[in-house]
């Protein structure tokens, strides 16, 4: 039974690696690096949750919060703000908080490195258990940006 579970986990990890490979090369992080990255993610998350909600639109200041239904992700340097009511924005932020808290960050062992001269380098964490991916990067003006997929 344990062997079967292990094979299943290895298969899921391999599938995840294949999916991620299209975005760039990933290298393993040691525990200390994961702790540092998670501290950054927490700091960004704290800023992101200070998002200001208006009646018909959501205003998000850098670092930007990129979540499905809240922002549409069009490029590493650009995001389009979707119009939604404040209740929908609050729901999206609550989902983000729950997903970040649910991540087993010991399994987040990938960092994405972007080739020099390309878009700004991004740190990408993937919780292999839940499939939630958090990407932290800087835009062309040096603003910290946070993207969440999953």
N, C-alpha and C. Protein backbone atom coordinates (compact mmCIF):
# COMPACT_ATOMS: atom_id res chain seq x y z
N UNK A 1 0.83 -1.20 0.00
CA UNK A 1 0.00 0.00 0.00
C UNK A 1 0.87 1.26 0.00
N UNK A 2 1.93 1.24 0.83
CA UNK A 2 2.82 2.40 0.88
C UNK A 2 3.51 2.60 -0.46
N UNK A 3 3.92 1.48 -1.10
CA UNK A 3 4.57 1.57 -2.41
C UNK A 3 3.63 2.19 -3.44
N UNK A 4 2.36 1.78 -3.37
CA UNK A 4 1.38 2.30 -4.32
C UNK A 4 1.18 3.80 -4.10
N UNK A 5 1.09 4.21 -2.83
CA UNK A 5 0.94 5.63 -2.50
C UNK A 5 2.14 6.42 -2.98
N UNK A 6 3.33 5.87 -2.77
CA UNK A 6 4.56 6.54 -3.19
C UNK A 6 4.59 6.70 -4.70
N UNK A 7 4.22 5.63 -5.43
CA UNK A 7 4.20 5.70 -6.89
C UNK A 7 3.20 6.76 -7.36
N UNK A 8 2.06 6.82 -6.70
CA UNK A 8 1.04 7.80 -7.05
C UNK A 8 1.58 9.22 -6.85
N UNK A 9 2.25 9.43 -5.71
CA UNK A 9 2.81 10.75 -5.41
C UNK A 9 3.89 11.11 -6.42
N UNK A 10 4.75 10.12 -6.74
CA UNK A 10 5.82 10.37 -7.71
C UNK A 10 5.24 10.70 -9.08
N UNK A 11 4.17 10.00 -9.44
CA UNK A 11 3.52 10.28 -10.73
C UNK A 11 2.94 11.68 -10.77
N UNK A 12 2.29 12.08 -9.67
CA UNK A 12 1.72 13.43 -9.60
C UNK A 12 2.81 14.48 -9.65
N UNK A 13 3.92 14.21 -8.96
CA UNK A 13 5.04 15.16 -8.95
C UNK A 13 5.64 15.28 -10.35
N UNK A 14 5.79 14.14 -11.03
CA UNK A 14 6.34 14.15 -12.39
C UNK A 14 5.43 14.94 -13.33
N UNK A 15 4.12 14.74 -13.19
CA UNK A 15 3.16 15.47 -14.03
C UNK A 15 3.25 16.97 -13.76
N UNK A 16 3.39 17.32 -12.48
CA UNK A 16 3.52 18.72 -12.10
C UNK A 16 4.80 19.31 -12.68
N UNK A 17 5.89 18.55 -12.61
CA UNK A 17 7.16 19.01 -13.16
C UNK A 17 7.04 19.26 -14.67
N UNK A 18 6.34 18.36 -15.37
CA UNK A 18 6.17 18.53 -16.81
C UNK A 18 5.38 19.81 -17.10
N UNK A 19 4.33 20.02 -16.31
CA UNK A 19 3.50 21.20 -16.51
C UNK A 19 4.29 22.48 -16.25
N UNK A 20 5.12 22.44 -15.20
CA UNK A 20 5.88 23.64 -14.83
C UNK A 20 7.04 23.90 -15.77
N UNK A 21 7.53 22.86 -16.44
CA UNK A 21 8.72 23.02 -17.26
C UNK A 21 8.52 24.02 -18.40
N UNK A 22 7.27 24.22 -18.81
CA UNK A 22 7.02 25.17 -19.88
C UNK A 22 7.28 26.61 -19.44
N UNK A 23 7.31 26.85 -18.13
CA UNK A 23 7.50 28.21 -17.63
C UNK A 23 8.96 28.54 -17.37
N UNK A 24 9.85 27.58 -17.37
CA UNK A 24 11.25 27.86 -17.10
C UNK A 24 11.87 26.72 -16.31
N UNK A 25 13.12 26.90 -15.95
CA UNK A 25 13.82 25.83 -15.22
C UNK A 25 13.62 26.00 -13.72
N UNK A 26 13.44 24.89 -13.05
CA UNK A 26 13.22 24.89 -11.61
C UNK A 26 14.36 24.16 -10.92
N UNK A 27 14.78 24.67 -9.77
CA UNK A 27 15.80 23.99 -8.99
C UNK A 27 15.29 23.81 -7.56
N UNK A 28 15.82 22.83 -6.88
CA UNK A 28 15.37 22.55 -5.51
C UNK A 28 15.83 23.64 -4.56
N UNK A 29 15.01 23.95 -3.59
CA UNK A 29 15.36 24.88 -2.53
C UNK A 29 15.60 24.09 -1.25
N UNK A 30 16.56 24.55 -0.44
CA UNK A 30 16.71 23.89 0.86
C UNK A 30 15.72 24.52 1.85
N UNK A 31 15.62 23.94 3.03
CA UNK A 31 14.61 24.36 4.01
C UNK A 31 14.76 25.84 4.38
N UNK A 32 15.99 26.31 4.52
CA UNK A 32 16.22 27.71 4.90
C UNK A 32 15.71 28.65 3.81
N UNK A 33 15.94 28.28 2.56
CA UNK A 33 15.47 29.12 1.45
C UNK A 33 13.95 29.15 1.41
N UNK A 34 13.33 27.99 1.64
CA UNK A 34 11.87 27.94 1.66
C UNK A 34 11.33 28.86 2.74
N UNK A 35 11.96 28.85 3.92
CA UNK A 35 11.51 29.70 5.02
C UNK A 35 11.60 31.18 4.64
N UNK A 36 12.69 31.55 3.99
CA UNK A 36 12.86 32.95 3.57
C UNK A 36 11.80 33.33 2.55
N UNK A 37 11.56 32.44 1.56
CA UNK A 37 10.57 32.75 0.53
C UNK A 37 9.17 32.84 1.15
N UNK A 38 8.87 31.94 2.07
CA UNK A 38 7.55 31.95 2.70
C UNK A 38 7.35 33.23 3.49
N UNK A 39 8.41 33.73 4.12
CA UNK A 39 8.32 35.00 4.85
C UNK A 39 7.95 36.12 3.88
N UNK A 40 8.54 36.09 2.69
CA UNK A 40 8.23 37.10 1.68
C UNK A 40 6.79 36.97 1.22
N UNK A 41 6.35 35.73 1.00
CA UNK A 41 4.96 35.51 0.57
C UNK A 41 4.00 36.03 1.63
N UNK A 42 4.31 35.76 2.91
CA UNK A 42 3.44 36.24 3.99
C UNK A 42 3.39 37.77 4.00
N UNK A 43 4.55 38.39 3.80
CA UNK A 43 4.61 39.86 3.82
C UNK A 43 3.78 40.42 2.67
N UNK A 44 3.92 39.82 1.49
CA UNK A 44 3.14 40.28 0.35
C UNK A 44 1.65 40.05 0.57
N UNK A 45 1.33 38.90 1.16
CA UNK A 45 -0.07 38.58 1.41
C UNK A 45 -0.69 39.61 2.36
N UNK A 46 0.08 40.01 3.39
CA UNK A 46 -0.42 41.01 4.34
C UNK A 46 -0.72 42.32 3.63
N UNK A 47 0.14 42.69 2.69
CA UNK A 47 -0.10 43.92 1.94
C UNK A 47 -1.29 43.76 1.01
N UNK A 48 -1.36 42.61 0.37
CA UNK A 48 -2.44 42.36 -0.59
C UNK A 48 -3.81 42.40 0.07
N UNK A 49 -3.89 41.94 1.31
CA UNK A 49 -5.20 41.90 1.97
C UNK A 49 -5.67 43.30 2.38
N UNK A 50 -4.82 44.29 2.19
CA UNK A 50 -5.22 45.67 2.46
C UNK A 50 -5.88 46.29 1.22
N UNK A 51 -6.30 45.43 0.29
CA UNK A 51 -6.92 45.90 -0.95
C UNK A 51 -8.14 46.76 -0.63
N UNK A 52 -8.30 47.83 -1.40
CA UNK A 52 -9.43 48.74 -1.19
C UNK A 52 -10.57 48.36 -2.13
N UNK A 53 -11.74 48.12 -1.55
CA UNK A 53 -12.89 47.72 -2.35
C UNK A 53 -13.82 48.90 -2.57
N UNK A 54 -14.23 49.11 -3.80
CA UNK A 54 -15.22 50.13 -4.11
C UNK A 54 -16.52 49.43 -4.50
N UNK A 55 -17.55 50.21 -4.74
CA UNK A 55 -18.86 49.61 -5.00
C UNK A 55 -18.88 48.81 -6.30
N UNK A 56 -18.24 49.31 -7.34
CA UNK A 56 -18.31 48.63 -8.63
C UNK A 56 -16.96 48.16 -9.14
N UNK A 57 -15.89 48.47 -8.44
CA UNK A 57 -14.57 48.07 -8.92
C UNK A 57 -13.65 47.82 -7.75
N UNK A 58 -12.56 47.17 -8.03
CA UNK A 58 -11.58 46.88 -7.00
C UNK A 58 -10.28 47.58 -7.37
N UNK A 59 -9.72 48.32 -6.43
CA UNK A 59 -8.45 48.99 -6.67
C UNK A 59 -7.37 48.23 -5.94
N UNK A 60 -6.35 47.81 -6.66
CA UNK A 60 -5.27 47.05 -6.06
C UNK A 60 -3.95 47.76 -6.34
N UNK A 61 -3.24 48.11 -5.27
CA UNK A 61 -1.94 48.76 -5.42
C UNK A 61 -0.84 47.71 -5.33
N UNK A 62 0.32 47.97 -5.94
CA UNK A 62 1.43 47.01 -5.82
C UNK A 62 1.79 46.79 -4.36
N UNK A 63 2.16 45.55 -3.97
CA UNK A 63 2.25 44.41 -4.88
C UNK A 63 0.86 43.93 -5.31
N UNK A 64 0.71 43.68 -6.58
CA UNK A 64 -0.60 43.31 -7.12
C UNK A 64 -1.00 41.92 -6.68
N UNK A 65 -2.29 41.74 -6.52
CA UNK A 65 -2.84 40.43 -6.20
C UNK A 65 -3.46 39.86 -7.46
N UNK A 66 -2.92 38.76 -7.94
CA UNK A 66 -3.40 38.18 -9.19
C UNK A 66 -4.09 36.86 -8.88
N UNK A 67 -5.39 36.87 -8.86
CA UNK A 67 -6.12 35.63 -8.61
C UNK A 67 -7.20 35.48 -9.67
N UNK A 68 -7.54 34.26 -9.95
CA UNK A 68 -8.60 34.00 -10.93
C UNK A 68 -9.88 34.67 -10.46
N UNK A 69 -10.48 35.47 -11.31
CA UNK A 69 -11.70 36.16 -10.97
C UNK A 69 -11.46 37.53 -10.37
N UNK A 70 -10.25 37.80 -9.92
CA UNK A 70 -9.96 39.12 -9.36
C UNK A 70 -9.16 39.92 -10.36
N UNK A 71 -8.14 39.31 -10.91
CA UNK A 71 -7.37 39.94 -11.98
C UNK A 71 -7.16 38.91 -13.08
N UNK A 72 -7.15 39.36 -14.31
CA UNK A 72 -6.79 38.44 -15.38
C UNK A 72 -5.32 38.66 -15.69
N UNK A 73 -4.57 37.59 -15.67
CA UNK A 73 -3.12 37.64 -15.82
C UNK A 73 -2.79 37.64 -17.31
N UNK A 74 -2.22 38.75 -17.80
CA UNK A 74 -1.95 38.83 -19.23
C UNK A 74 -0.46 38.74 -19.56
N UNK A 75 0.40 39.12 -18.65
CA UNK A 75 1.85 38.99 -18.85
C UNK A 75 2.52 39.20 -17.51
N UNK A 76 3.82 38.88 -17.39
CA UNK A 76 4.50 39.09 -16.11
C UNK A 76 4.49 40.55 -15.67
N UNK A 77 4.32 41.47 -16.61
CA UNK A 77 4.41 42.89 -16.27
C UNK A 77 3.08 43.61 -16.35
N UNK A 78 2.03 42.89 -16.67
CA UNK A 78 0.77 43.58 -16.87
C UNK A 78 -0.39 42.72 -16.40
N UNK A 79 -1.35 43.34 -15.78
CA UNK A 79 -2.56 42.62 -15.38
C UNK A 79 -3.75 43.53 -15.61
N UNK A 80 -4.84 42.96 -16.03
CA UNK A 80 -6.03 43.74 -16.27
C UNK A 80 -6.97 43.62 -15.07
N UNK A 81 -7.41 44.75 -14.60
CA UNK A 81 -8.30 44.76 -13.45
C UNK A 81 -9.72 44.45 -13.90
N UNK A 82 -10.32 43.48 -13.28
CA UNK A 82 -11.69 43.11 -13.60
C UNK A 82 -12.65 43.87 -12.68
N UNK A 83 -13.73 44.34 -13.25
CA UNK A 83 -14.73 45.04 -12.45
C UNK A 83 -15.58 44.00 -11.71
N UNK A 84 -15.72 44.19 -10.43
CA UNK A 84 -16.55 43.29 -9.63
C UNK A 84 -17.02 44.05 -8.40
N UNK A 85 -18.02 43.52 -7.72
CA UNK A 85 -18.47 44.22 -6.52
C UNK A 85 -17.58 43.86 -5.34
N UNK A 86 -17.71 44.59 -4.27
CA UNK A 86 -16.81 44.41 -3.13
C UNK A 86 -17.00 43.05 -2.46
N UNK A 87 -18.22 42.50 -2.52
CA UNK A 87 -18.45 41.18 -1.92
C UNK A 87 -17.65 40.12 -2.66
N UNK A 88 -17.63 40.18 -3.99
CA UNK A 88 -16.85 39.22 -4.77
C UNK A 88 -15.37 39.38 -4.48
N UNK A 89 -14.91 40.61 -4.33
CA UNK A 89 -13.50 40.85 -4.02
C UNK A 89 -13.16 40.27 -2.66
N UNK A 90 -14.03 40.47 -1.69
CA UNK A 90 -13.79 39.93 -0.35
C UNK A 90 -13.73 38.41 -0.38
N UNK A 91 -14.62 37.80 -1.17
CA UNK A 91 -14.60 36.34 -1.31
C UNK A 91 -13.29 35.86 -1.91
N UNK A 92 -12.80 36.57 -2.93
CA UNK A 92 -11.55 36.19 -3.58
C UNK A 92 -10.38 36.30 -2.61
N UNK A 93 -10.38 37.35 -1.81
CA UNK A 93 -9.30 37.53 -0.84
C UNK A 93 -9.35 36.45 0.24
N UNK A 94 -10.55 36.09 0.65
CA UNK A 94 -10.69 35.04 1.66
C UNK A 94 -10.21 33.70 1.11
N UNK A 95 -10.52 33.42 -0.16
CA UNK A 95 -10.03 32.19 -0.79
C UNK A 95 -8.50 32.19 -0.83
N UNK A 96 -7.92 33.34 -1.14
CA UNK A 96 -6.46 33.45 -1.17
C UNK A 96 -5.88 33.14 0.21
N UNK A 97 -6.47 33.73 1.24
CA UNK A 97 -5.96 33.51 2.60
C UNK A 97 -6.03 32.03 2.96
N UNK A 98 -7.16 31.39 2.66
CA UNK A 98 -7.33 29.98 2.98
C UNK A 98 -6.35 29.11 2.21
N UNK A 99 -6.13 29.43 0.94
CA UNK A 99 -5.22 28.63 0.12
C UNK A 99 -3.78 28.77 0.61
N UNK A 100 -3.39 29.99 0.97
CA UNK A 100 -2.03 30.18 1.46
C UNK A 100 -1.84 29.44 2.78
N UNK A 101 -2.83 29.50 3.66
CA UNK A 101 -2.72 28.83 4.95
C UNK A 101 -2.74 27.31 4.79
N UNK A 102 -3.42 26.82 3.76
CA UNK A 102 -3.54 25.37 3.56
C UNK A 102 -2.29 24.77 2.93
N UNK A 103 -1.43 25.59 2.36
CA UNK A 103 -0.25 25.07 1.69
C UNK A 103 0.71 24.42 2.68
N UNK A 104 1.22 23.28 2.29
CA UNK A 104 2.29 22.63 3.04
C UNK A 104 3.59 23.12 2.42
N UNK A 105 4.18 24.13 3.04
CA UNK A 105 5.31 24.80 2.39
C UNK A 105 6.57 23.96 2.40
N UNK A 106 6.58 22.85 3.12
CA UNK A 106 7.72 21.93 3.04
C UNK A 106 7.79 21.28 1.66
N UNK A 107 6.67 21.28 0.95
CA UNK A 107 6.65 20.68 -0.38
C UNK A 107 6.90 21.71 -1.48
N UNK A 108 7.07 22.96 -1.10
CA UNK A 108 7.27 24.02 -2.09
C UNK A 108 8.75 24.14 -2.39
N UNK A 109 9.22 23.32 -3.28
CA UNK A 109 10.66 23.19 -3.48
C UNK A 109 11.10 23.61 -4.87
N UNK A 110 10.44 24.59 -5.43
CA UNK A 110 10.82 25.01 -6.76
C UNK A 110 10.99 26.53 -6.82
N UNK A 111 12.03 26.94 -7.49
CA UNK A 111 12.24 28.36 -7.73
C UNK A 111 12.45 28.54 -9.23
N UNK A 112 11.75 29.47 -9.81
CA UNK A 112 11.88 29.68 -11.25
C UNK A 112 12.90 30.77 -11.50
N UNK A 113 13.83 30.50 -12.39
CA UNK A 113 14.82 31.49 -12.76
C UNK A 113 14.59 31.90 -14.21
N UNK A 114 14.46 33.18 -14.43
CA UNK A 114 14.24 33.68 -15.78
C UNK A 114 15.58 34.07 -16.40
N UNK A 115 15.83 33.70 -17.65
CA UNK A 115 17.11 34.05 -18.28
C UNK A 115 17.37 35.55 -18.24
N UNK A 116 18.64 35.91 -18.13
CA UNK A 116 19.01 37.32 -18.06
C UNK A 116 18.53 38.04 -19.31
N UNK A 117 18.02 39.23 -19.13
CA UNK A 117 17.54 40.00 -20.27
C UNK A 117 16.08 39.73 -20.59
N UNK A 118 15.51 38.71 -19.97
CA UNK A 118 14.09 38.41 -20.19
C UNK A 118 13.27 39.15 -19.13
N UNK A 119 12.05 38.69 -18.92
CA UNK A 119 11.21 39.31 -17.89
C UNK A 119 11.87 39.15 -16.53
N UNK A 120 11.51 39.99 -15.55
CA UNK A 120 12.13 39.90 -14.22
C UNK A 120 12.03 38.49 -13.65
N UNK A 121 13.06 38.09 -12.92
CA UNK A 121 13.09 36.75 -12.33
C UNK A 121 11.92 36.57 -11.38
N UNK A 122 11.41 35.36 -11.33
CA UNK A 122 10.26 35.07 -10.47
C UNK A 122 10.60 33.92 -9.54
N UNK A 123 10.10 34.01 -8.31
CA UNK A 123 10.19 32.91 -7.37
C UNK A 123 8.85 32.20 -7.39
N UNK A 124 8.85 30.93 -7.66
CA UNK A 124 7.59 30.21 -7.79
C UNK A 124 7.55 29.05 -6.82
N UNK A 125 6.53 29.01 -5.98
CA UNK A 125 6.37 27.95 -4.99
C UNK A 125 5.15 27.13 -5.35
N UNK A 126 5.32 25.82 -5.35
CA UNK A 126 4.20 24.94 -5.68
C UNK A 126 3.99 23.97 -4.54
N UNK A 127 2.78 23.96 -4.00
CA UNK A 127 2.43 22.98 -2.98
C UNK A 127 2.02 21.72 -3.73
N UNK A 128 2.88 20.71 -3.72
CA UNK A 128 2.61 19.48 -4.47
C UNK A 128 1.37 18.77 -3.96
N UNK A 129 0.97 19.04 -2.72
CA UNK A 129 -0.19 18.37 -2.15
C UNK A 129 -1.50 18.96 -2.68
N UNK A 130 -1.57 20.28 -2.77
CA UNK A 130 -2.81 20.93 -3.18
C UNK A 130 -2.76 21.45 -4.61
N UNK A 131 -1.56 21.55 -5.19
CA UNK A 131 -1.44 22.09 -6.54
C UNK A 131 -1.46 23.60 -6.59
N UNK A 132 -1.52 24.26 -5.42
CA UNK A 132 -1.53 25.72 -5.39
C UNK A 132 -0.13 26.24 -5.70
N UNK A 133 -0.04 27.17 -6.63
CA UNK A 133 1.25 27.77 -6.97
C UNK A 133 1.22 29.25 -6.61
N UNK A 134 2.25 29.71 -5.94
CA UNK A 134 2.39 31.12 -5.61
C UNK A 134 3.65 31.62 -6.29
N UNK A 135 3.53 32.67 -7.07
CA UNK A 135 4.69 33.23 -7.75
C UNK A 135 4.92 34.65 -7.27
N UNK A 136 6.15 34.94 -6.89
CA UNK A 136 6.53 36.27 -6.45
C UNK A 136 7.55 36.81 -7.44
N UNK A 137 7.32 38.01 -7.92
CA UNK A 137 8.28 38.59 -8.86
C UNK A 137 8.24 40.11 -8.73
N UNK A 138 9.14 40.78 -9.42
CA UNK A 138 9.14 42.24 -9.45
C UNK A 138 8.81 42.70 -10.85
N UNK A 139 8.00 43.76 -10.93
CA UNK A 139 7.69 44.30 -12.25
C UNK A 139 8.83 45.21 -12.71
N UNK A 140 8.66 45.83 -13.87
CA UNK A 140 9.75 46.63 -14.43
C UNK A 140 10.04 47.89 -13.64
N UNK A 141 9.15 48.23 -12.68
CA UNK A 141 9.39 49.40 -11.84
C UNK A 141 9.91 49.00 -10.46
N UNK A 142 10.15 47.70 -10.27
CA UNK A 142 10.68 47.24 -8.99
C UNK A 142 9.63 46.94 -7.95
N UNK A 143 8.34 46.97 -8.33
CA UNK A 143 7.27 46.65 -7.38
C UNK A 143 7.20 45.15 -7.16
N UNK A 144 7.03 44.72 -5.91
CA UNK A 144 6.82 43.31 -5.62
C UNK A 144 5.43 42.91 -6.10
N UNK A 145 5.35 41.79 -6.79
CA UNK A 145 4.08 41.31 -7.32
C UNK A 145 3.85 39.89 -6.82
N UNK A 146 2.60 39.54 -6.61
CA UNK A 146 2.25 38.20 -6.12
C UNK A 146 1.19 37.60 -7.04
N UNK A 147 1.44 36.40 -7.52
CA UNK A 147 0.47 35.69 -8.35
C UNK A 147 0.12 34.37 -7.69
N UNK A 148 -1.15 34.03 -7.68
CA UNK A 148 -1.60 32.78 -7.09
C UNK A 148 -2.42 32.01 -8.11
N UNK A 149 -2.09 30.76 -8.31
CA UNK A 149 -2.86 29.90 -9.22
C UNK A 149 -3.15 28.59 -8.52
N UNK A 150 -4.33 28.08 -8.68
CA UNK A 150 -4.63 26.80 -8.06
C UNK A 150 -6.06 26.71 -7.63
